[in-house]
Amino acid sequence: MSPYHSGSNSAGRVIAMIADVMALILGLWILMYLLDANRANELVQFVHNAADVLAGWSRDLFTFNEAWARVVAGYGLAAVVYLFVGHAIAGRMRG
């Protein structure tokens, strides 16, 4: 295998890992929201702030009546998109 492929494999793994971490943060926020986590807790605030940044484009995309449905749909869509795009890019890099 050429060194070029080895580098693209490593880069592909890194991209897939970044996409996984982004989706994990979004999924963690959805879970914390659904379980009514203490918003005064620093970890909950950190996860919420990070999820807000990651889902800024999809956070208010849906207008369901129930707040939990808006959170699941908005943040969940961002998680699915990051996973799909990140792993698609990683797969193309692996060749």
C-alpha atoms as a PDB file:
ATOM      1  CA  MET A   1       0.000   0.000   0.000  1.00  0.00           C
ATOM      2  CA  SER A   2       1.338   3.420  -0.882  1.00  0.00           C
ATOM      3  CA  PRO A   3       2.034   6.072   1.751  1.00  0.00           C
ATOM      4  CA  TYR A   4      -0.670   8.197   0.120  1.00  0.00           C
ATOM      5  CA  HIS A   5      -3.355   5.639   0.970  1.00  0.00           C
ATOM      6  CA  SER A   6      -2.044   5.275   4.498  1.00  0.00           C
ATOM      7  CA  GLY A   7      -2.408   9.019   5.085  1.00  0.00           C
ATOM      8  CA  SER A   8      -5.905   9.114   3.621  1.00  0.00           C
ATOM      9  CA  ASN A   9      -6.889   6.138   5.823  1.00  0.00           C
ATOM     10  CA  SER A  10      -5.710   8.031   8.893  1.00  0.00           C
ATOM     11  CA  ALA A  11      -7.464  11.200   7.795  1.00  0.00           C
ATOM     12  CA  GLY A  12     -10.626   9.203   7.091  1.00  0.00           C
ATOM     13  CA  ARG A  13     -10.527   7.693  10.571  1.00  0.00           C
ATOM     14  CA  VAL A  14     -10.065  11.129  12.123  1.00  0.00           C
ATOM     15  CA  ILE A  15     -13.001  12.554  10.158  1.00  0.00           C
ATOM     16  CA  ALA A  16     -15.210   9.609  11.161  1.00  0.00           C
ATOM     17  CA  MET A  17     -14.175  10.018  14.811  1.00  0.00           C
ATOM     18  CA  ILE A  18     -14.953  13.736  14.758  1.00  0.00           C
ATOM     19  CA  ALA A  19     -18.378  13.023  13.260  1.00  0.00           C
ATOM     20  CA  ASP A  20     -18.971  10.380  15.945  1.00  0.00           C
ATOM     21  CA  VAL A  21     -18.042  12.781  18.757  1.00  0.00           C
ATOM     22  CA  MET A  22     -20.297  15.493  17.323  1.00  0.00           C
ATOM     23  CA  ALA A  23     -23.212  13.047  17.114  1.00  0.00           C
ATOM     24  CA  LEU A  24     -22.440  11.776  20.627  1.00  0.00           C
ATOM     25  CA  ILE A  25     -22.644  15.317  22.045  1.00  0.00           C
ATOM     26  CA  LEU A  26     -25.952  15.911  20.275  1.00  0.00           C
ATOM     27  CA  GLY A  27     -27.344  12.560  21.415  1.00  0.00           C
ATOM     28  CA  LEU A  28     -26.180  13.214  24.958  1.00  0.00           C
ATOM     29  CA  TRP A  29     -27.989  16.558  24.995  1.00  0.00           C
ATOM     30  CA  ILE A  30     -31.199  14.932  23.702  1.00  0.00           C
ATOM     31  CA  LEU A  31     -30.952  12.329  26.467  1.00  0.00           C
ATOM     32  CA  MET A  32     -30.237  14.959  29.131  1.00  0.00           C
ATOM     33  CA  TYR A  33     -33.188  17.034  27.927  1.00  0.00           C
ATOM     34  CA  LEU A  34     -35.570  14.078  27.906  1.00  0.00           C
ATOM     35  CA  LEU A  35     -34.431  13.007  31.391  1.00  0.00           C
ATOM     36  CA  ASP A  36     -34.821  16.598  32.654  1.00  0.00           C
ATOM     37  CA  ALA A  37     -31.190  16.970  33.686  1.00  0.00           C
ATOM     38  CA  ASN A  38     -30.323  19.768  36.115  1.00  0.00           C
ATOM     39  CA  ARG A  39     -29.615  22.816  33.903  1.00  0.00           C
ATOM     40  CA  ALA A  40     -27.562  24.408  36.704  1.00  0.00           C
ATOM     41  CA  ASN A  41     -25.024  21.556  36.511  1.00  0.00           C
ATOM     42  CA  GLU A  42     -21.795  22.531  34.721  1.00  0.00           C
ATOM     43  CA  LEU A  43     -21.603  19.339  32.662  1.00  0.00           C
ATOM     44  CA  VAL A  44     -25.200  19.759  31.495  1.00  0.00           C
ATOM     45  CA  GLN A  45     -24.490  23.400  30.594  1.00  0.00           C
ATOM     46  CA  PHE A  46     -21.354  22.411  28.681  1.00  0.00           C
ATOM     47  CA  VAL A  47     -23.136  19.697  26.703  1.00  0.00           C
ATOM     48  CA  HIS A  48     -26.079  22.027  26.006  1.00  0.00           C
ATOM     49  CA  ASN A  49     -23.820  24.840  24.790  1.00  0.00           C
ATOM     50  CA  ALA A  50     -21.813  22.483  22.587  1.00  0.00           C
ATOM     51  CA  ALA A  51     -25.000  20.955  21.161  1.00  0.00           C
ATOM     52  CA  ASP A  52     -26.403  24.436  20.476  1.00  0.00           C
ATOM     53  CA  VAL A  53     -23.316  25.295  18.440  1.00  0.00           C
ATOM     54  CA  LEU A  54     -23.395  21.992  16.537  1.00  0.00           C
ATOM     55  CA  ALA A  55     -27.135  22.169  15.819  1.00  0.00           C
ATOM     56  CA  GLY A  56     -27.342  25.896  15.203  1.00  0.00           C
ATOM     57  CA  TRP A  57     -28.594  25.317  11.662  1.00  0.00           C
ATOM     58  CA  SER A  58     -31.232  22.718  12.593  1.00  0.00           C
ATOM     59  CA  ARG A  59     -32.198  23.607  16.159  1.00  0.00           C
ATOM     60  CA  ASP A  60     -35.368  25.568  15.295  1.00  0.00           C
ATOM     61  CA  LEU A  61     -36.092  23.909  11.968  1.00  0.00           C
ATOM     62  CA  PHE A  62     -39.193  22.096  13.191  1.00  0.00           C
ATOM     63  CA  THR A  63     -42.208  23.678  14.894  1.00  0.00           C
ATOM     64  CA  PHE A  64     -43.812  20.798  16.765  1.00  0.00           C
ATOM     65  CA  ASN A  65     -46.128  21.785  19.608  1.00  0.00           C
ATOM     66  CA  GLU A  66     -44.216  19.710  22.135  1.00  0.00           C
ATOM     67  CA  ALA A  67     -40.794  21.031  23.178  1.00  0.00           C
ATOM     68  CA  TRP A  68     -39.353  17.512  23.509  1.00  0.00           C
ATOM     69  CA  ALA A  69     -40.277  16.759  19.891  1.00  0.00           C
ATOM     70  CA  ARG A  70     -38.537  19.941  18.707  1.00  0.00           C
ATOM     71  CA  VAL A  71     -35.401  18.980  20.636  1.00  0.00           C
ATOM     72  CA  VAL A  72     -35.362  15.398  19.363  1.00  0.00           C
ATOM     73  CA  ALA A  73     -36.042  16.426  15.749  1.00  0.00           C
ATOM     74  CA  GLY A  74     -33.744  19.457  15.623  1.00  0.00           C
ATOM     75  CA  TYR A  75     -30.734  18.066  17.445  1.00  0.00           C
ATOM     76  CA  GLY A  76     -31.348  14.540  16.148  1.00  0.00           C
ATOM     77  CA  LEU A  77     -31.335  15.728  12.539  1.00  0.00           C
ATOM     78  CA  ALA A  78     -27.977  17.417  13.082  1.00  0.00           C
ATOM     79  CA  ALA A  79     -26.562  14.219  14.632  1.00  0.00           C
ATOM     80  CA  VAL A  80     -27.745  12.078  11.714  1.00  0.00           C
ATOM     81  CA  VAL A  81     -26.397  14.546   9.142  1.00  0.00           C
ATOM     82  CA  TYR A  82     -22.995  14.731  10.847  1.00  0.00           C
ATOM     83  CA  LEU A  83     -22.787  10.946  11.023  1.00  0.00           C
ATOM     84  CA  PHE A  84     -23.860  10.476   7.413  1.00  0.00           C
ATOM     85  CA  VAL A  85     -21.644  13.186   5.937  1.00  0.00           C
ATOM     86  CA  GLY A  86     -18.645  12.427   8.149  1.00  0.00           C
ATOM     87  CA  HIS A  87     -18.690   8.714   7.410  1.00  0.00           C
ATOM     88  CA  ALA A  88     -19.375   9.294   3.707  1.00  0.00           C
ATOM     89  CA  ILE A  89     -16.328  11.561   3.475  1.00  0.00           C
ATOM     90  CA  ALA A  90     -14.236   9.083   5.476  1.00  0.00           C
ATOM     91  CA  GLY A  91     -15.338   6.232   3.221  1.00  0.00           C
ATOM     92  CA  ARG A  92     -14.436   8.157   0.071  1.00  0.00           C
ATOM     93  CA  MET A  93     -11.014   8.936   1.504  1.00  0.00           C
ATOM     94  CA  ARG A  94     -10.363   5.280   2.225  1.00  0.00           C
ATOM     95  CA  GLY A  95     -10.934   4.606  -1.401  1.00  0.00           C
END
